[in-house]
Amino acid sequence: MAFLGFRAYSTPILKPLWPFFASSAIVYYMLAKIQYAGVRSPEFAKDPKNPYGMSSPFL
C-alpha cells in the first residue's frame, strides 16, 4: 500500500547521479574563480561599470 505516494521499494537517486552533482560543484567553483579573476584584472579595474574596480572602498 502506498502512503502519500511513497512505495515500498526505494528508488536509487544519489547513486546514479553523484557524478553530475560532483561535476556541477566543480564547474560552479571554477566559474566563480574565473569570474573573480576577471573582475579584478588590471584591464577592467579602471572601468567605471566595474563594481569591484580600484575605486571601490571594499578593496
N, C-alpha and C. Protein backbone atom coordinates (compact mmCIF):
# COMPACT_ATOMS: atom_id res chain seq x y z
N MET A 1 0.84 -1.18 0.00
CA MET A 1 0.00 0.00 0.00
C MET A 1 0.89 1.25 0.00
N ALA A 2 0.54 2.20 -0.81
CA ALA A 2 1.34 3.42 -0.91
C ALA A 2 0.83 4.45 0.10
N PHE A 3 1.75 4.98 0.86
CA PHE A 3 1.42 6.01 1.83
C PHE A 3 1.90 7.35 1.30
N LEU A 4 1.00 8.20 0.93
CA LEU A 4 1.28 9.52 0.38
C LEU A 4 2.19 9.44 -0.85
N GLY A 5 2.03 8.42 -1.62
CA GLY A 5 2.79 8.28 -2.85
C GLY A 5 4.12 7.58 -2.70
N PHE A 6 4.52 7.22 -1.47
CA PHE A 6 5.78 6.50 -1.27
C PHE A 6 5.55 5.02 -1.47
N ARG A 7 6.44 4.40 -2.17
CA ARG A 7 6.32 2.97 -2.44
C ARG A 7 7.12 2.17 -1.43
N ALA A 8 6.89 0.89 -1.45
CA ALA A 8 7.56 0.01 -0.50
C ALA A 8 9.04 -0.17 -0.85
N TYR A 9 9.41 0.02 -2.11
CA TYR A 9 10.81 -0.15 -2.50
C TYR A 9 11.41 1.22 -2.77
N SER A 10 12.68 1.32 -2.50
CA SER A 10 13.35 2.61 -2.70
C SER A 10 13.92 2.69 -4.11
N THR A 11 13.89 3.85 -4.66
CA THR A 11 14.47 4.11 -5.98
C THR A 11 15.80 4.82 -5.78
N PRO A 12 16.87 4.30 -6.35
CA PRO A 12 18.17 4.97 -6.17
C PRO A 12 18.21 6.30 -6.92
N ILE A 13 18.53 7.35 -6.20
CA ILE A 13 18.62 8.67 -6.82
C ILE A 13 20.05 9.18 -6.77
N LEU A 14 20.65 9.14 -5.60
CA LEU A 14 22.00 9.68 -5.46
C LEU A 14 23.06 8.78 -6.09
N LYS A 15 22.86 7.49 -6.03
CA LYS A 15 23.89 6.59 -6.54
C LYS A 15 24.15 6.77 -8.03
N PRO A 16 23.15 6.84 -8.91
CA PRO A 16 23.46 7.05 -10.33
C PRO A 16 23.75 8.50 -10.70
N LEU A 17 23.36 9.44 -9.85
CA LEU A 17 23.50 10.86 -10.20
C LEU A 17 24.67 11.56 -9.51
N TRP A 18 25.46 10.85 -8.69
CA TRP A 18 26.53 11.53 -7.96
C TRP A 18 27.57 12.16 -8.88
N PRO A 19 27.89 11.60 -10.07
CA PRO A 19 28.86 12.30 -10.92
C PRO A 19 28.37 13.66 -11.39
N PHE A 20 27.07 13.77 -11.62
CA PHE A 20 26.51 15.05 -12.06
C PHE A 20 26.53 16.08 -10.94
N PHE A 21 26.25 15.65 -9.72
CA PHE A 21 26.31 16.56 -8.58
C PHE A 21 27.75 17.02 -8.34
N ALA A 22 28.69 16.10 -8.41
CA ALA A 22 30.10 16.45 -8.20
C ALA A 22 30.61 17.38 -9.29
N SER A 23 30.28 17.08 -10.54
CA SER A 23 30.76 17.93 -11.63
C SER A 23 30.11 19.31 -11.59
N SER A 24 28.86 19.39 -11.18
CA SER A 24 28.23 20.71 -11.08
C SER A 24 28.89 21.55 -9.99
N ALA A 25 29.30 20.93 -8.89
CA ALA A 25 30.00 21.67 -7.85
C ALA A 25 31.37 22.14 -8.34
N ILE A 26 32.06 21.29 -9.09
CA ILE A 26 33.38 21.67 -9.62
C ILE A 26 33.25 22.81 -10.62
N VAL A 27 32.26 22.72 -11.50
CA VAL A 27 32.05 23.77 -12.51
C VAL A 27 31.67 25.09 -11.83
N TYR A 28 30.82 25.03 -10.83
CA TYR A 28 30.43 26.24 -10.10
C TYR A 28 31.64 26.89 -9.44
N TYR A 29 32.49 26.08 -8.83
CA TYR A 29 33.68 26.60 -8.16
C TYR A 29 34.64 27.22 -9.17
N MET A 30 34.87 26.55 -10.28
CA MET A 30 35.81 27.06 -11.28
C MET A 30 35.29 28.34 -11.94
N LEU A 31 34.00 28.40 -12.23
CA LEU A 31 33.44 29.62 -12.81
C LEU A 31 33.52 30.79 -11.83
N ALA A 32 33.33 30.52 -10.56
CA ALA A 32 33.46 31.59 -9.56
C ALA A 32 34.90 32.10 -9.51
N LYS A 33 35.88 31.20 -9.61
CA LYS A 33 37.28 31.63 -9.62
C LYS A 33 37.60 32.44 -10.87
N ILE A 34 37.08 32.02 -12.02
CA ILE A 34 37.33 32.74 -13.27
C ILE A 34 36.69 34.12 -13.21
N GLN A 35 35.47 34.19 -12.69
CA GLN A 35 34.79 35.48 -12.59
C GLN A 35 35.54 36.41 -11.62
N TYR A 36 35.99 35.88 -10.51
CA TYR A 36 36.74 36.68 -9.55
C TYR A 36 38.02 37.22 -10.17
N ALA A 37 38.72 36.38 -10.92
CA ALA A 37 39.96 36.82 -11.57
C ALA A 37 39.67 37.83 -12.67
N GLY A 38 38.60 37.65 -13.40
CA GLY A 38 38.27 38.57 -14.49
C GLY A 38 37.84 39.93 -14.01
N VAL A 39 37.09 39.97 -12.94
CA VAL A 39 36.59 41.24 -12.41
C VAL A 39 37.73 42.06 -11.82
N ARG A 40 38.71 41.40 -11.26
CA ARG A 40 39.82 42.11 -10.62
C ARG A 40 41.06 42.20 -11.49
N SER A 41 40.94 41.91 -12.76
CA SER A 41 42.09 42.02 -13.66
C SER A 41 42.42 43.49 -13.91
N PRO A 42 43.67 43.80 -14.19
CA PRO A 42 44.06 45.21 -14.41
C PRO A 42 43.36 45.84 -15.61
N GLU A 43 42.99 45.04 -16.57
CA GLU A 43 42.34 45.57 -17.77
C GLU A 43 40.97 46.18 -17.44
N PHE A 44 40.23 45.54 -16.55
CA PHE A 44 38.89 46.01 -16.22
C PHE A 44 38.82 46.71 -14.87
N ALA A 45 39.94 46.89 -14.20
CA ALA A 45 39.93 47.53 -12.88
C ALA A 45 39.55 49.00 -12.96
N LYS A 46 39.88 49.66 -14.05
CA LYS A 46 39.60 51.09 -14.18
C LYS A 46 38.26 51.38 -14.86
N ASP A 47 37.53 50.34 -15.20
CA ASP A 47 36.24 50.51 -15.85
C ASP A 47 35.23 51.06 -14.83
N PRO A 48 34.55 52.16 -15.12
CA PRO A 48 33.60 52.70 -14.14
C PRO A 48 32.39 51.81 -13.90
N LYS A 49 32.10 50.91 -14.83
CA LYS A 49 30.96 50.00 -14.64
C LYS A 49 31.32 48.80 -13.77
N ASN A 50 32.58 48.64 -13.45
CA ASN A 50 33.03 47.51 -12.65
C ASN A 50 32.76 47.80 -11.18
N PRO A 51 31.88 47.04 -10.52
CA PRO A 51 31.60 47.33 -9.11
C PRO A 51 32.77 46.99 -8.19
N TYR A 52 33.73 46.21 -8.66
CA TYR A 52 34.88 45.83 -7.84
C TYR A 52 36.15 46.51 -8.33
N GLY A 53 36.00 47.64 -8.96
CA GLY A 53 37.16 48.36 -9.50
C GLY A 53 38.04 48.94 -8.42
N MET A 54 39.09 49.61 -8.84
CA MET A 54 40.04 50.17 -7.89
C MET A 54 39.43 51.32 -7.07
N SER A 55 38.34 51.89 -7.53
CA SER A 55 37.73 52.98 -6.78
C SER A 55 36.78 52.48 -5.70
N SER A 56 36.65 51.18 -5.57
CA SER A 56 35.74 50.61 -4.58
C SER A 56 36.35 50.72 -3.18
N PRO A 57 35.57 51.13 -2.20
CA PRO A 57 36.11 51.24 -0.83
C PRO A 57 36.25 49.88 -0.15
N PHE A 58 35.79 48.81 -0.78
CA PHE A 58 35.83 47.49 -0.16
C PHE A 58 37.10 46.72 -0.46
N LEU A 59 38.04 47.30 -1.20
CA LEU A 59 39.28 46.59 -1.53
C LEU A 59 40.32 46.76 -0.47
